[in-house]
Amino acid sequence: MRPWTPWQDWVNVALGAYLALAPLWTAGAPAGWFVTLGILAIAAGLWAAGTVSTRAAEWTQIVIGVVVFLAPWLGGFAAAAGAAWTAWIIGIALVVFAAAGMMMNNPEGRTTDAPARG
């Protein structure tokens, strides 16, 4: 794949933007958590889109997705249903799309520096 073409990374950029802006319309959403994690998701998505050959970018997106999913408990806003569900859904989606991007970039599961087996 060529840089800037993987749609999964662009979906993660959009999810990051949604998360960063979610405090504007989500009751109980902690702006600090959502804006920070949203910006990190945007940055990781752009990194992954621009460097399709690196697994580090995809793994970074996965880690950010896991942190977003855990944020309601880590940040103490699990009782705010709207904010918690937003974090859980976006966290899962970030992980799923990053994993899908990783598989598309490397469908045989080998590292990009390893030679293809014939």
N, C-alpha and C. Protein backbone atom coordinates (compact mmCIF):
# COMPACT_ATOMS: atom_id res chain seq x y z
N MET A 1 0.83 -1.19 0.00
CA MET A 1 0.00 0.00 0.00
C MET A 1 0.87 1.25 0.00
N ARG A 2 0.32 2.28 -0.56
CA ARG A 2 1.02 3.57 -0.58
C ARG A 2 0.64 4.39 0.64
N PRO A 3 1.55 5.27 1.08
CA PRO A 3 1.22 6.15 2.20
C PRO A 3 -0.02 6.99 1.90
N TRP A 4 -0.75 7.31 2.92
CA TRP A 4 -1.95 8.16 2.91
C TRP A 4 -3.15 7.50 2.26
N THR A 5 -3.10 6.21 1.95
CA THR A 5 -4.25 5.56 1.33
C THR A 5 -5.02 4.61 2.23
N PRO A 6 -4.49 4.11 3.36
CA PRO A 6 -5.26 3.15 4.16
C PRO A 6 -6.48 3.81 4.81
N TRP A 7 -7.64 3.35 4.42
CA TRP A 7 -8.87 3.97 4.94
C TRP A 7 -9.03 3.75 6.44
N GLN A 8 -8.50 2.65 6.97
CA GLN A 8 -8.65 2.38 8.40
C GLN A 8 -7.98 3.48 9.24
N ASP A 9 -6.85 3.96 8.79
CA ASP A 9 -6.15 5.01 9.53
C ASP A 9 -6.94 6.32 9.49
N TRP A 10 -7.58 6.59 8.37
CA TRP A 10 -8.40 7.79 8.27
C TRP A 10 -9.65 7.69 9.15
N VAL A 11 -10.19 6.49 9.28
CA VAL A 11 -11.32 6.30 10.20
C VAL A 11 -10.85 6.59 11.63
N ASN A 12 -9.66 6.13 11.99
CA ASN A 12 -9.14 6.40 13.34
C ASN A 12 -8.86 7.89 13.55
N VAL A 13 -8.46 8.60 12.51
CA VAL A 13 -8.30 10.05 12.61
C VAL A 13 -9.67 10.69 12.90
N ALA A 14 -10.69 10.24 12.18
CA ALA A 14 -12.04 10.78 12.40
C ALA A 14 -12.55 10.43 13.80
N LEU A 15 -12.27 9.21 14.27
CA LEU A 15 -12.68 8.84 15.63
C LEU A 15 -11.97 9.71 16.66
N GLY A 16 -10.70 10.02 16.44
CA GLY A 16 -9.97 10.90 17.33
C GLY A 16 -10.57 12.30 17.36
N ALA A 17 -10.95 12.79 16.17
CA ALA A 17 -11.57 14.12 16.10
C ALA A 17 -12.91 14.12 16.83
N TYR A 18 -13.68 13.05 16.63
CA TYR A 18 -14.97 12.95 17.34
C TYR A 18 -14.75 12.95 18.85
N LEU A 19 -13.78 12.17 19.31
CA LEU A 19 -13.50 12.09 20.74
C LEU A 19 -13.06 13.45 21.29
N ALA A 20 -12.20 14.15 20.56
CA ALA A 20 -11.71 15.45 21.02
C ALA A 20 -12.84 16.47 21.11
N LEU A 21 -13.82 16.35 20.23
CA LEU A 21 -14.94 17.31 20.21
C LEU A 21 -16.14 16.85 21.04
N ALA A 22 -16.15 15.60 21.46
CA ALA A 22 -17.30 15.04 22.18
C ALA A 22 -17.71 15.82 23.43
N PRO A 23 -16.81 16.47 24.17
CA PRO A 23 -17.26 17.23 25.34
C PRO A 23 -18.25 18.35 25.00
N LEU A 24 -18.29 18.74 23.73
CA LEU A 24 -19.23 19.79 23.33
C LEU A 24 -20.68 19.32 23.38
N TRP A 25 -20.93 18.02 23.20
CA TRP A 25 -22.30 17.52 23.16
C TRP A 25 -22.57 16.33 24.07
N THR A 26 -21.56 15.84 24.75
CA THR A 26 -21.75 14.67 25.62
C THR A 26 -21.77 15.10 27.08
N ALA A 27 -22.89 14.85 27.73
CA ALA A 27 -23.03 15.22 29.14
C ALA A 27 -22.06 14.41 30.00
N GLY A 28 -21.36 15.08 30.88
CA GLY A 28 -20.45 14.41 31.80
C GLY A 28 -19.11 14.03 31.21
N ALA A 29 -18.86 14.43 29.96
CA ALA A 29 -17.60 14.08 29.31
C ALA A 29 -16.46 14.93 29.89
N PRO A 30 -15.40 14.30 30.36
CA PRO A 30 -14.27 15.05 30.89
C PRO A 30 -13.43 15.60 29.74
N ALA A 31 -13.45 16.90 29.58
CA ALA A 31 -12.77 17.53 28.44
C ALA A 31 -11.28 17.19 28.42
N GLY A 32 -10.64 17.18 29.57
CA GLY A 32 -9.21 16.89 29.60
C GLY A 32 -8.87 15.53 29.04
N TRP A 33 -9.60 14.52 29.47
CA TRP A 33 -9.37 13.17 28.98
C TRP A 33 -9.69 13.05 27.50
N PHE A 34 -10.88 13.52 27.12
CA PHE A 34 -11.32 13.34 25.74
C PHE A 34 -10.47 14.13 24.74
N VAL A 35 -10.15 15.36 25.06
CA VAL A 35 -9.35 16.16 24.13
C VAL A 35 -7.94 15.59 24.00
N THR A 36 -7.33 15.24 25.12
CA THR A 36 -5.97 14.69 25.08
C THR A 36 -5.93 13.38 24.31
N LEU A 37 -6.81 12.45 24.64
CA LEU A 37 -6.81 11.16 23.95
C LEU A 37 -7.24 11.31 22.49
N GLY A 38 -8.13 12.23 22.21
CA GLY A 38 -8.54 12.48 20.83
C GLY A 38 -7.38 12.99 19.99
N ILE A 39 -6.61 13.93 20.54
CA ILE A 39 -5.45 14.45 19.82
C ILE A 39 -4.41 13.35 19.61
N LEU A 40 -4.20 12.52 20.62
CA LEU A 40 -3.26 11.40 20.47
C LEU A 40 -3.73 10.43 19.38
N ALA A 41 -5.05 10.16 19.35
CA ALA A 41 -5.59 9.26 18.32
C ALA A 41 -5.43 9.86 16.93
N ILE A 42 -5.65 11.17 16.81
CA ILE A 42 -5.47 11.84 15.52
C ILE A 42 -4.01 11.73 15.08
N ALA A 43 -3.10 12.03 15.99
CA ALA A 43 -1.66 11.99 15.66
C ALA A 43 -1.22 10.58 15.27
N ALA A 44 -1.67 9.58 16.02
CA ALA A 44 -1.30 8.20 15.70
C ALA A 44 -1.90 7.76 14.37
N GLY A 45 -3.13 8.18 14.09
CA GLY A 45 -3.76 7.85 12.82
C GLY A 45 -3.03 8.46 11.64
N LEU A 46 -2.61 9.71 11.80
CA LEU A 46 -1.85 10.37 10.72
C LEU A 46 -0.48 9.72 10.55
N TRP A 47 0.14 9.35 11.67
CA TRP A 47 1.43 8.65 11.60
C TRP A 47 1.27 7.33 10.85
N ALA A 48 0.24 6.57 11.22
CA ALA A 48 0.01 5.28 10.58
C ALA A 48 -0.33 5.45 9.10
N ALA A 49 -1.11 6.46 8.77
CA ALA A 49 -1.48 6.68 7.37
C ALA A 49 -0.26 7.08 6.54
N GLY A 50 0.63 7.87 7.12
CA GLY A 50 1.79 8.34 6.39
C GLY A 50 2.91 7.33 6.28
N THR A 51 2.90 6.33 7.14
CA THR A 51 3.96 5.32 7.14
C THR A 51 3.33 3.94 7.17
N VAL A 52 2.77 3.52 6.08
CA VAL A 52 2.03 2.27 6.07
C VAL A 52 2.89 1.05 6.34
N SER A 53 4.19 1.17 6.27
CA SER A 53 5.03 -0.01 6.45
C SER A 53 5.42 -0.26 7.91
N THR A 54 5.06 0.61 8.84
CA THR A 54 5.49 0.44 10.21
C THR A 54 4.37 -0.14 11.09
N ARG A 55 4.71 -1.17 11.82
CA ARG A 55 3.75 -1.76 12.75
C ARG A 55 3.69 -0.96 14.03
N ALA A 56 4.73 -0.19 14.33
CA ALA A 56 4.75 0.61 15.56
C ALA A 56 3.59 1.61 15.57
N ALA A 57 3.29 2.19 14.43
CA ALA A 57 2.19 3.15 14.35
C ALA A 57 0.85 2.46 14.63
N GLU A 58 0.66 1.27 14.09
CA GLU A 58 -0.59 0.54 14.33
C GLU A 58 -0.70 0.12 15.79
N TRP A 59 0.41 -0.34 16.36
CA TRP A 59 0.39 -0.73 17.78
C TRP A 59 0.12 0.48 18.67
N THR A 60 0.64 1.63 18.29
CA THR A 60 0.38 2.85 19.06
C THR A 60 -1.11 3.17 19.05
N GLN A 61 -1.74 3.01 17.89
CA GLN A 61 -3.19 3.23 17.81
C GLN A 61 -3.94 2.24 18.70
N ILE A 62 -3.48 1.00 18.74
CA ILE A 62 -4.14 0.00 19.57
C ILE A 62 -4.01 0.37 21.04
N VAL A 63 -2.81 0.78 21.46
CA VAL A 63 -2.61 1.17 22.86
C VAL A 63 -3.50 2.37 23.22
N ILE A 64 -3.57 3.34 22.34
CA ILE A 64 -4.44 4.50 22.59
C ILE A 64 -5.89 4.06 22.69
N GLY A 65 -6.31 3.14 21.83
CA GLY A 65 -7.68 2.62 21.90
C GLY A 65 -7.97 1.93 23.22
N VAL A 66 -7.02 1.17 23.72
CA VAL A 66 -7.19 0.49 25.01
C VAL A 66 -7.30 1.52 26.13
N VAL A 67 -6.45 2.55 26.08
CA VAL A 67 -6.51 3.59 27.11
C VAL A 67 -7.85 4.34 27.04
N VAL A 68 -8.33 4.62 25.84
CA VAL A 68 -9.64 5.27 25.69
C VAL A 68 -10.72 4.39 26.29
N PHE A 69 -10.66 3.08 26.03
CA PHE A 69 -11.65 2.16 26.58
C PHE A 69 -11.61 2.14 28.11
N LEU A 70 -10.42 2.19 28.68
CA LEU A 70 -10.26 2.15 30.14
C LEU A 70 -10.46 3.51 30.81
N ALA A 71 -10.49 4.57 30.03
CA ALA A 71 -10.56 5.93 30.57
C ALA A 71 -11.72 6.17 31.54
N PRO A 72 -12.92 5.62 31.32
CA PRO A 72 -13.98 5.87 32.29
C PRO A 72 -13.62 5.41 33.71
N TRP A 73 -12.90 4.32 33.82
CA TRP A 73 -12.49 3.84 35.15
C TRP A 73 -11.26 4.59 35.64
N LEU A 74 -10.30 4.81 34.75
CA LEU A 74 -9.09 5.53 35.13
C LEU A 74 -9.38 6.98 35.50
N GLY A 75 -10.31 7.58 34.78
CA GLY A 75 -10.64 8.99 35.01
C GLY A 75 -11.80 9.22 35.96
N GLY A 76 -12.42 8.15 36.42
CA GLY A 76 -13.50 8.27 37.39
C GLY A 76 -14.80 8.81 36.83
N PHE A 77 -15.06 8.61 35.54
CA PHE A 77 -16.33 9.08 34.98
C PHE A 77 -17.19 7.94 34.43
N ALA A 78 -16.99 6.74 34.97
CA ALA A 78 -17.77 5.58 34.52
C ALA A 78 -19.25 5.74 34.85
N ALA A 79 -19.57 6.53 35.85
CA ALA A 79 -20.98 6.73 36.23
C ALA A 79 -21.70 7.65 35.25
N ALA A 80 -20.98 8.45 34.51
CA ALA A 80 -21.59 9.33 33.50
C ALA A 80 -21.80 8.49 32.25
N ALA A 81 -23.02 7.97 32.10
CA ALA A 81 -23.30 6.98 31.06
C ALA A 81 -22.91 7.45 29.66
N GLY A 82 -23.27 8.65 29.29
CA GLY A 82 -22.97 9.14 27.94
C GLY A 82 -21.48 9.20 27.67
N ALA A 83 -20.74 9.73 28.61
CA ALA A 83 -19.29 9.84 28.45
C ALA A 83 -18.63 8.46 28.45
N ALA A 84 -19.09 7.60 29.35
CA ALA A 84 -18.50 6.26 29.43
C ALA A 84 -18.75 5.47 28.14
N TRP A 85 -19.98 5.48 27.66
CA TRP A 85 -20.29 4.75 26.42
C TRP A 85 -19.53 5.32 25.23
N THR A 86 -19.36 6.63 25.20
CA THR A 86 -18.57 7.24 24.12
C THR A 86 -17.15 6.69 24.16
N ALA A 87 -16.54 6.67 25.33
CA ALA A 87 -15.18 6.17 25.46
C ALA A 87 -15.10 4.68 25.11
N TRP A 88 -16.05 3.90 25.58
CA TRP A 88 -16.01 2.46 25.31
C TRP A 88 -16.15 2.16 23.82
N ILE A 89 -17.09 2.81 23.17
CA ILE A 89 -17.33 2.55 21.74
C ILE A 89 -16.15 3.03 20.90
N ILE A 90 -15.67 4.23 21.17
CA ILE A 90 -14.55 4.75 20.39
C ILE A 90 -13.28 3.95 20.68
N GLY A 91 -13.06 3.55 21.92
CA GLY A 91 -11.89 2.75 22.25
C GLY A 91 -11.87 1.43 21.50
N ILE A 92 -13.01 0.74 21.49
CA ILE A 92 -13.10 -0.53 20.76
C ILE A 92 -12.89 -0.29 19.27
N ALA A 93 -13.51 0.74 18.73
CA ALA A 93 -13.38 1.02 17.29
C ALA A 93 -11.94 1.34 16.92
N LEU A 94 -11.24 2.11 17.75
CA LEU A 94 -9.83 2.41 17.47
C LEU A 94 -9.01 1.13 17.39
N VAL A 95 -9.24 0.22 18.32
CA VAL A 95 -8.50 -1.04 18.33
C VAL A 95 -8.84 -1.87 17.09
N VAL A 96 -10.11 -1.98 16.77
CA VAL A 96 -10.54 -2.81 15.64
C VAL A 96 -9.97 -2.27 14.33
N PHE A 97 -10.07 -0.96 14.11
CA PHE A 97 -9.59 -0.40 12.85
C PHE A 97 -8.06 -0.41 12.76
N ALA A 98 -7.38 -0.24 13.87
CA ALA A 98 -5.91 -0.34 13.85
C ALA A 98 -5.49 -1.77 13.54
N ALA A 99 -6.16 -2.74 14.14
CA ALA A 99 -5.83 -4.14 13.85
C ALA A 99 -6.14 -4.48 12.40
N ALA A 100 -7.24 -3.96 11.88
CA ALA A 100 -7.58 -4.20 10.47
C ALA A 100 -6.53 -3.57 9.55
N GLY A 101 -6.08 -2.38 9.91
CA GLY A 101 -5.02 -1.74 9.12
C GLY A 101 -3.74 -2.53 9.16
N MET A 102 -3.42 -3.08 10.32
CA MET A 102 -2.22 -3.89 10.45
C MET A 102 -2.32 -5.13 9.57
N MET A 103 -3.48 -5.75 9.55
CA MET A 103 -3.66 -6.95 8.73
C MET A 103 -3.63 -6.62 7.24
N MET A 104 -4.19 -5.49 6.85
CA MET A 104 -4.16 -5.11 5.43
C MET A 104 -2.75 -4.80 4.97
N ASN A 105 -1.96 -4.16 5.83
CA ASN A 105 -0.59 -3.84 5.48
C ASN A 105 0.27 -5.08 5.45
N ASN A 106 -0.12 -6.09 6.19
CA ASN A 106 0.70 -7.27 6.37
C ASN A 106 -0.19 -8.51 6.47
N PRO A 107 -0.89 -8.87 5.41
CA PRO A 107 -1.88 -9.94 5.49
C PRO A 107 -1.33 -11.30 5.89
N GLU A 108 -0.04 -11.54 5.67
CA GLU A 108 0.54 -12.84 6.01
C GLU A 108 1.05 -12.88 7.43
N GLY A 109 0.97 -11.75 8.15
CA GLY A 109 1.37 -11.71 9.54
C GLY A 109 2.86 -11.62 9.79
N ARG A 110 3.65 -11.39 8.75
CA ARG A 110 5.09 -11.30 8.96
C ARG A 110 5.47 -9.82 9.13
N THR A 111 6.61 -9.60 9.72
CA THR A 111 7.08 -8.22 9.85
C THR A 111 7.49 -7.72 8.48
N THR A 112 7.45 -6.39 8.32
CA THR A 112 7.73 -5.83 7.00
C THR A 112 9.18 -5.97 6.60
N ASP A 113 10.11 -6.18 7.55
CA ASP A 113 11.50 -6.33 7.16
C ASP A 113 11.86 -7.78 6.82
N ALA A 114 10.97 -8.70 7.14
CA ALA A 114 11.25 -10.10 6.85
C ALA A 114 11.02 -10.38 5.36
N PRO A 115 11.89 -11.17 4.76
CA PRO A 115 11.70 -11.50 3.35
C PRO A 115 10.49 -12.41 3.16
N ALA A 116 9.86 -12.26 2.04
CA ALA A 116 8.70 -13.10 1.70
C ALA A 116 9.18 -14.53 1.48
N ARG A 117 8.38 -15.46 1.96
CA ARG A 117 8.73 -16.87 1.74
C ARG A 117 8.03 -17.37 0.50
N GLY A 118 8.72 -18.12 -0.25
CA GLY A 118 8.17 -18.56 -1.50
C GLY A 118 7.69 -19.90 -1.44
